[in-house]
């Protein structure tokens, strides 16, 4: 017999717990199993960020879980994240809001971000995730790869103005059409020495490969070669030697006898010498084209089978950058300033490692 449509009366009590509502096989359960102990270990780090007096704040653990959800599910803005937290049962369960917990305002993220950046919470979270991977035997100690990629700044080319003209930019906007003025750059030579973005002064105009020049930062990653776990990261201003400089800086934390694979952009004599002084062998691709016929990476290195393996493994680092830009919101983060970009990049990379650990460790 066909049922009849009736007015649905709202239940006064719910007899279904949130724990039962989430499927036992849901992948977010494994992520939560990893995240909870890490946040518990970070309790002293959080405690040092807050005063011992005053009104209780929103728990920083919940803020980080909400930001993790934002990255993991590619929720573009914090406004949309807060909206989803109101009605998405899965997100409420993961963050720990319960069925009736109140959701904070969007501005809560902005107000607490400076506190989290000052406390280097993203770096601490990332380090503990790497430690988790090491405890499960997923991290190689001998072979690594490095690479860098452009992270677009939240600033347009129109904001790239002469440094001496920045003071009058506001009045120019009023005279030429408000926030999107007509600017003619034809015939004008613009460089980072003479020009600066009025929107994000720390960003730099930069061009890589066949891409057009744009306001950018550079994100750098070091990956261990066994399972593709990211073990180090940083964001720098975009300039010609930023990638090789960051590679040497990240390599300084490695032990003697390790190898580092990279593309041919890292095959410079200075970089190879710097790595050798630290007892590290460069497995960068030989840069013998474009009229260059010599390289410090000679037959003494390339004849070994390990060099070929490093060249094959190093390409997996592109998977990390692909995930960060398509899922992790790092193609063009909606933040301004190097410290905020660095925080978001490192935090998103820690979430990538969590996903890798979940996939590599059977339930």
Protein backbone atom coordinates (compact mmCIF):
# COMPACT_ATOMS: atom_id res chain seq x y z
CA UNK A 1 0.00 0.00 0.00
CA UNK A 2 1.27 3.40 -0.94
CA UNK A 3 2.14 5.64 1.95
CA UNK A 4 0.53 9.02 2.23
CA UNK A 5 2.39 12.29 2.38
CA UNK A 6 2.16 13.89 5.80
CA UNK A 7 3.58 16.87 7.55
CA UNK A 8 6.87 15.84 9.15
CA UNK A 9 6.97 16.82 12.78
CA UNK A 10 10.39 17.65 14.14
CA UNK A 11 11.66 15.14 16.66
CA UNK A 12 12.20 16.46 20.16
CA UNK A 13 14.97 13.92 20.80
CA UNK A 14 17.43 12.18 18.50
CA UNK A 15 17.95 8.48 19.13
CA UNK A 16 20.75 8.09 16.56
CA UNK A 17 24.23 9.01 17.74
CA UNK A 18 26.64 10.77 15.43
CA UNK A 19 29.11 7.92 15.87
CA UNK A 20 26.56 5.47 14.45
CA UNK A 21 25.62 7.83 11.63
CA UNK A 22 29.16 7.83 10.17
CA UNK A 23 29.96 4.62 8.24
CA UNK A 24 32.59 2.45 9.89
CA UNK A 25 34.52 2.27 6.62
CA UNK A 26 34.56 6.02 5.98
CA UNK A 27 38.15 7.17 5.18
CA UNK A 28 37.82 10.18 7.49
CA UNK A 29 37.74 7.80 10.47
CA UNK A 30 41.35 6.77 9.76
CA UNK A 31 42.40 10.40 9.43
CA UNK A 32 40.78 11.18 12.77
CA UNK A 33 42.61 8.27 14.40
CA UNK A 34 45.90 9.85 13.32
CA UNK A 35 44.98 13.46 14.10
CA UNK A 36 43.60 13.03 17.63
CA UNK A 37 46.89 11.81 19.23
CA UNK A 38 48.87 14.48 17.37
CA UNK A 39 46.64 17.28 18.67
CA UNK A 40 46.84 15.79 22.15
CA UNK A 41 50.63 15.93 21.96
CA UNK A 42 50.41 19.57 20.86
CA UNK A 43 48.57 20.57 24.04
CA UNK A 44 51.61 22.43 25.50
CA UNK A 45 52.06 24.28 22.21
CA UNK A 46 48.46 25.48 22.29
CA UNK A 47 48.60 26.31 25.99
CA UNK A 48 51.45 28.77 25.44
CA UNK A 49 49.41 30.78 22.92
CA UNK A 50 46.61 31.80 25.30
CA UNK A 51 46.35 33.85 28.45
CA UNK A 52 45.50 32.19 31.75
CA UNK A 53 42.73 34.76 32.37
CA UNK A 54 39.73 36.02 30.43
CA UNK A 55 36.91 34.31 28.60
CA UNK A 56 37.48 30.80 27.25
CA UNK A 57 38.28 30.78 23.55
CA UNK A 58 37.23 28.33 20.87
CA UNK A 59 39.49 25.29 21.29
CA UNK A 60 42.38 25.54 18.81
CA UNK A 61 42.06 21.79 18.22
CA UNK A 62 38.62 22.37 16.72
CA UNK A 63 39.92 25.22 14.56
CA UNK A 64 42.67 23.01 13.15
CA UNK A 65 40.25 20.17 12.50
CA UNK A 66 37.95 22.55 10.66
CA UNK A 67 40.86 23.86 8.56
CA UNK A 68 41.85 20.25 7.85
CA UNK A 69 38.35 19.60 6.55
CA UNK A 70 38.60 22.71 4.38
CA UNK A 71 41.81 21.47 2.73
CA UNK A 72 40.77 17.82 2.49
CA UNK A 73 37.43 18.60 0.81
CA UNK A 74 38.65 21.64 -1.18
CA UNK A 75 36.24 24.09 0.42
CA UNK A 76 37.30 27.29 -1.25
CA UNK A 77 36.56 29.87 1.45
CA UNK A 78 36.12 30.02 5.20
CA UNK A 79 32.64 31.44 4.67
CA UNK A 80 31.66 28.26 2.85
CA UNK A 81 33.38 26.19 5.55
CA UNK A 82 31.29 27.77 8.31
CA UNK A 83 28.16 27.23 6.23
CA UNK A 84 29.00 23.56 5.77
CA UNK A 85 29.68 23.11 9.49
CA UNK A 86 26.09 24.18 10.19
CA UNK A 87 24.47 21.28 8.36
CA UNK A 88 27.08 18.71 7.33
CA UNK A 89 26.89 15.89 9.86
CA UNK A 90 30.22 14.37 8.80
CA UNK A 91 32.10 17.63 9.33
CA UNK A 92 30.46 18.27 12.70
CA UNK A 93 31.43 14.79 13.84
CA UNK A 94 35.06 15.23 12.79
CA UNK A 95 35.46 18.69 14.34
CA UNK A 96 33.72 17.63 17.56
CA UNK A 97 30.75 19.98 17.52
CA UNK A 98 28.10 17.34 18.18
CA UNK A 99 24.52 17.63 17.04
CA UNK A 100 23.77 20.85 18.91
CA UNK A 101 27.16 22.56 19.17
CA UNK A 102 27.18 26.16 18.00
CA UNK A 103 29.32 27.07 14.99
CA UNK A 104 31.61 30.08 15.33
CA UNK A 105 31.72 33.09 13.01
CA UNK A 106 33.92 33.24 9.94
CA UNK A 107 36.01 36.01 11.50
CA UNK A 108 37.17 33.55 14.16
CA UNK A 109 39.65 32.08 11.68
CA UNK A 110 41.09 35.50 10.85
CA UNK A 111 41.41 36.47 14.51
CA UNK A 112 43.17 33.25 15.47
CA UNK A 113 45.38 32.87 12.39
CA UNK A 114 48.02 35.32 13.60
CA UNK A 115 48.18 33.45 16.92
CA UNK A 116 48.65 30.12 15.15
CA UNK A 117 51.31 31.56 12.85
CA UNK A 118 53.23 33.12 15.74
CA UNK A 119 53.18 29.79 17.58
CA UNK A 120 54.47 27.95 14.48
CA UNK A 121 51.60 25.50 14.86
CA UNK A 122 51.69 24.38 11.23
CA UNK A 123 55.40 23.50 11.45
CA UNK A 124 54.81 21.59 14.67
CA UNK A 125 51.82 19.73 13.21
CA UNK A 126 53.80 18.85 10.08
CA UNK A 127 56.77 17.59 12.14
CA UNK A 128 54.51 15.32 14.20
CA UNK A 129 52.90 13.91 11.06
CA UNK A 130 56.37 13.09 9.67
CA UNK A 131 57.23 11.47 13.01
CA UNK A 132 54.07 9.38 12.70
CA UNK A 133 55.15 8.23 9.25
CA UNK A 134 58.60 7.36 10.60
CA UNK A 135 57.11 5.31 13.43
CA UNK A 136 55.25 3.23 10.85
CA UNK A 137 58.41 2.59 8.84
CA UNK A 138 57.28 4.64 5.84
CA UNK A 139 60.20 7.09 5.62
CA UNK A 140 63.50 6.35 3.94
CA UNK A 141 66.64 7.71 5.60
CA UNK A 142 68.97 7.46 2.60
CA UNK A 143 67.28 8.76 -0.56
CA UNK A 144 65.36 12.00 -1.07
CA UNK A 145 64.14 14.32 -3.83
CA UNK A 146 63.58 18.08 -3.95
CA UNK A 147 61.64 20.43 -6.18
CA UNK A 148 59.91 23.79 -6.15
CA UNK A 149 56.75 25.15 -7.70
CA UNK A 150 55.07 28.51 -8.18
CA UNK A 151 52.42 29.51 -5.65
CA UNK A 152 50.43 32.39 -7.10
CA UNK A 153 49.98 35.39 -4.84
CA UNK A 154 46.56 36.87 -4.14
CA UNK A 155 47.50 40.00 -6.09
CA UNK A 156 47.05 41.10 -9.69
CA UNK A 157 49.63 42.48 -12.10
CA UNK A 158 47.84 45.84 -11.92
CA UNK A 159 49.00 46.16 -8.32
CA UNK A 160 52.65 45.90 -9.45
CA UNK A 161 53.57 49.59 -9.39
CA UNK A 162 56.65 51.73 -9.09
CA UNK A 163 57.76 51.95 -5.49
CA UNK A 164 57.75 55.74 -5.47
CA UNK A 165 54.21 55.81 -6.91
CA UNK A 166 52.60 53.62 -4.25
CA UNK A 167 51.69 56.56 -2.01
CA UNK A 168 49.52 58.07 -4.72
CA UNK A 169 47.90 54.81 -5.83
CA UNK A 170 44.77 55.34 -3.73
CA UNK A 171 44.04 58.72 -5.26
CA UNK A 172 44.67 57.29 -8.73
CA UNK A 173 42.06 54.58 -8.11
CA UNK A 174 39.46 57.19 -7.23
CA UNK A 175 40.22 59.13 -10.40
CA UNK A 176 40.30 56.14 -12.77
CA UNK A 177 37.48 53.85 -11.85
CA UNK A 178 37.61 52.68 -8.26
CA UNK A 179 39.22 49.39 -7.26
CA UNK A 180 39.91 48.30 -10.86
CA UNK A 181 41.62 51.28 -12.49
CA UNK A 182 42.75 51.46 -16.11
CA UNK A 183 46.52 50.96 -16.17
CA UNK A 184 48.67 51.02 -19.30
CA UNK A 185 51.94 49.14 -18.89
CA UNK A 186 52.88 49.19 -22.57
CA UNK A 187 56.54 50.02 -23.09
CA UNK A 188 57.26 50.17 -19.36
CA UNK A 189 60.02 47.95 -18.02
CA UNK A 190 58.96 46.42 -14.71
CA UNK A 191 61.32 44.59 -12.39
CA UNK A 192 61.27 43.56 -8.74
CA UNK A 193 63.96 46.15 -8.01
CA UNK A 194 61.90 49.11 -9.16
CA UNK A 195 58.32 47.87 -8.69
CA UNK A 196 56.32 46.36 -5.89
CA UNK A 197 52.79 45.06 -5.42
CA UNK A 198 50.59 47.45 -3.49
CA UNK A 199 48.36 44.50 -2.53
CA UNK A 200 51.01 42.02 -1.38
CA UNK A 201 54.42 43.74 -1.12
CA UNK A 202 56.22 40.49 -0.26
CA UNK A 203 55.21 38.79 -3.51
CA UNK A 204 57.44 39.02 -6.58
CA UNK A 205 56.75 39.04 -10.29
CA UNK A 206 58.06 35.73 -11.59
CA UNK A 207 57.95 33.58 -14.71
CA UNK A 208 58.69 29.86 -14.79
CA UNK A 209 58.79 27.76 -17.92
CA UNK A 210 56.13 28.57 -20.49
CA UNK A 211 53.87 30.25 -17.93
CA UNK A 212 53.25 33.96 -18.12
CA UNK A 213 54.75 36.26 -15.50
CA UNK A 214 52.57 36.76 -12.43
CA UNK A 215 52.81 37.78 -8.80
CA UNK A 216 54.16 34.71 -7.05
CA UNK A 217 55.91 32.92 -4.23
CA UNK A 218 57.82 29.65 -4.50
CA UNK A 219 56.90 26.56 -2.50
CA UNK A 220 59.67 24.00 -1.89
CA UNK A 221 59.28 20.36 -0.86
CA UNK A 222 61.70 17.60 0.11
CA UNK A 223 60.33 14.09 -0.37
CA UNK A 224 61.69 10.74 0.75
CA UNK A 225 61.83 8.34 -2.17
CA UNK A 226 60.45 5.12 -0.68
CA UNK A 227 56.77 6.07 -0.30
CA UNK A 228 56.62 9.69 -1.44
CA UNK A 229 56.23 11.21 2.03
CA UNK A 230 57.04 14.92 2.25
CA UNK A 231 59.58 15.47 5.02
CA UNK A 232 60.41 19.18 4.72
CA UNK A 233 58.84 22.28 3.22
CA UNK A 234 59.11 26.04 3.06
CA UNK A 235 57.88 29.05 1.10
CA UNK A 236 60.24 31.73 -0.19
CA UNK A 237 60.03 34.82 -2.30
CA UNK A 238 60.28 34.05 -6.00
CA UNK A 239 63.70 34.66 -7.55
CA UNK A 240 66.17 32.84 -9.75
CA UNK A 241 68.19 30.93 -7.15
CA UNK A 242 65.42 30.31 -4.61
CA UNK A 243 64.98 26.65 -5.53
CA UNK A 244 68.64 25.62 -5.28
CA UNK A 245 69.18 27.72 -2.15
CA UNK A 246 66.21 26.06 -0.45
CA UNK A 247 67.41 22.62 -1.53
CA UNK A 248 70.77 23.15 0.17
CA UNK A 249 69.05 24.55 3.25
CA UNK A 250 66.71 21.56 3.55
CA UNK A 251 69.58 19.14 2.87
CA UNK A 252 71.49 20.48 5.88
CA UNK A 253 69.16 18.47 8.14
CA UNK A 254 70.02 15.16 6.45
CA UNK A 255 72.68 12.73 7.56
CA UNK A 256 75.96 12.09 5.75
CA UNK A 257 75.76 9.59 2.91
CA UNK A 258 72.26 10.41 1.64
CA UNK A 259 71.36 11.23 -1.95
CA UNK A 260 69.10 13.96 -3.33
CA UNK A 261 67.42 13.65 -6.71
CA UNK A 262 66.22 16.69 -8.63
CA UNK A 263 65.63 18.00 -12.12
CA UNK A 264 68.34 19.60 -14.22
CA UNK A 265 67.67 23.04 -12.78
CA UNK A 266 69.51 21.89 -9.65
CA UNK A 267 72.63 20.82 -11.57
CA UNK A 268 74.81 23.82 -10.75
CA UNK A 269 78.44 23.60 -9.70
CA UNK A 270 77.84 25.60 -6.53
CA UNK A 271 74.90 23.42 -5.43
CA UNK A 272 76.80 20.20 -6.09
CA UNK A 273 79.82 21.45 -4.13
CA UNK A 274 77.69 22.64 -1.23
CA UNK A 275 76.02 19.25 -0.98
CA UNK A 276 79.33 17.40 -1.18
CA UNK A 277 80.71 19.50 1.66
CA UNK A 278 77.82 18.19 3.78
CA UNK A 279 78.55 14.61 2.72
CA UNK A 280 75.46 14.42 0.47
CA UNK A 281 75.50 13.18 -3.11
CA UNK A 282 73.57 15.15 -5.71
CA UNK A 283 71.50 12.96 -8.03
CA UNK A 284 70.19 15.88 -10.06
CA UNK A 285 69.60 15.34 -13.77
CA UNK A 286 72.63 16.38 -15.82
CA UNK A 287 72.18 19.77 -17.43
CA UNK A 288 74.32 19.21 -20.53
CA UNK A 289 72.10 20.89 -23.10
CA UNK A 290 71.97 24.52 -24.24
CA UNK A 291 75.68 24.58 -24.97
CA UNK A 292 76.76 23.21 -21.59
CA UNK A 293 78.87 20.08 -21.97
CA UNK A 294 80.31 19.64 -18.49
CA UNK A 295 78.80 18.90 -15.11
CA UNK A 296 80.20 18.05 -11.71
CA UNK A 297 77.74 15.15 -11.73
CA UNK A 298 79.92 12.91 -13.89
CA UNK A 299 80.32 9.20 -14.55
CA UNK A 300 81.42 8.52 -10.99
CA UNK A 301 77.82 9.20 -9.99
CA UNK A 302 75.77 8.33 -13.06
CA UNK A 303 77.31 4.87 -13.55
CA UNK A 304 75.65 3.54 -10.41
CA UNK A 305 72.18 2.02 -10.56
CA UNK A 306 71.07 4.21 -7.67
CA UNK A 307 71.33 7.31 -9.86
CA UNK A 308 68.85 5.86 -12.35
CA UNK A 309 66.51 4.94 -9.51
CA UNK A 310 66.70 8.48 -8.11
CA UNK A 311 65.86 9.93 -11.53
CA UNK A 312 62.82 7.72 -11.73
CA UNK A 313 61.65 8.30 -8.16
CA UNK A 314 62.13 12.08 -8.14
CA UNK A 315 59.26 12.55 -10.58
CA UNK A 316 56.80 11.46 -7.87
CA UNK A 317 57.28 14.81 -6.21
CA UNK A 318 55.10 16.27 -8.96
CA UNK A 319 52.24 14.24 -7.47
CA UNK A 320 52.62 16.24 -4.27
CA UNK A 321 52.44 19.58 -6.06
CA UNK A 322 49.54 18.33 -8.16
CA UNK A 323 47.59 17.39 -5.02
CA UNK A 324 48.42 20.66 -3.30
CA UNK A 325 47.17 22.73 -6.23
CA UNK A 326 44.10 20.76 -7.27
CA UNK A 327 42.84 19.65 -3.85
CA UNK A 328 44.91 21.43 -1.20
CA UNK A 329 43.95 25.00 -2.26
CA UNK A 330 47.57 25.98 -2.91
CA UNK A 331 47.38 26.99 -6.54
CA UNK A 332 46.45 30.50 -5.47
CA UNK A 333 45.81 30.74 -1.71
CA UNK A 334 43.55 33.57 -0.64
CA UNK A 335 46.12 34.99 1.79
CA UNK A 336 48.53 37.89 1.59
CA UNK A 337 52.01 37.90 3.05
CA UNK A 338 54.75 35.29 3.08
CA UNK A 339 54.06 34.14 6.66
CA UNK A 340 50.42 33.28 5.87
CA UNK A 341 51.30 31.58 2.59
CA UNK A 342 54.00 29.55 4.34
CA UNK A 343 51.56 28.53 7.10
CA UNK A 344 48.89 27.39 4.64
CA UNK A 345 51.41 25.55 2.43
CA UNK A 346 52.97 23.64 5.33
CA UNK A 347 49.60 22.75 6.86
CA UNK A 348 48.25 21.48 3.52
CA UNK A 349 51.40 19.41 3.02
CA UNK A 350 50.90 17.79 6.44
CA UNK A 351 47.38 16.80 5.36
CA UNK A 352 48.79 15.28 2.17
CA UNK A 353 51.11 13.15 4.32
CA UNK A 354 48.15 12.05 6.44
CA UNK A 355 46.36 10.86 3.31
CA UNK A 356 49.49 8.98 2.19
CA UNK A 357 49.84 7.32 5.59
CA UNK A 358 46.18 6.28 5.53
CA UNK A 359 46.58 4.74 2.08
CA UNK A 360 49.83 2.96 2.94
CA UNK A 361 48.76 1.56 6.33
CA UNK A 362 46.00 -1.05 6.20
CA UNK A 363 43.18 -0.62 8.68
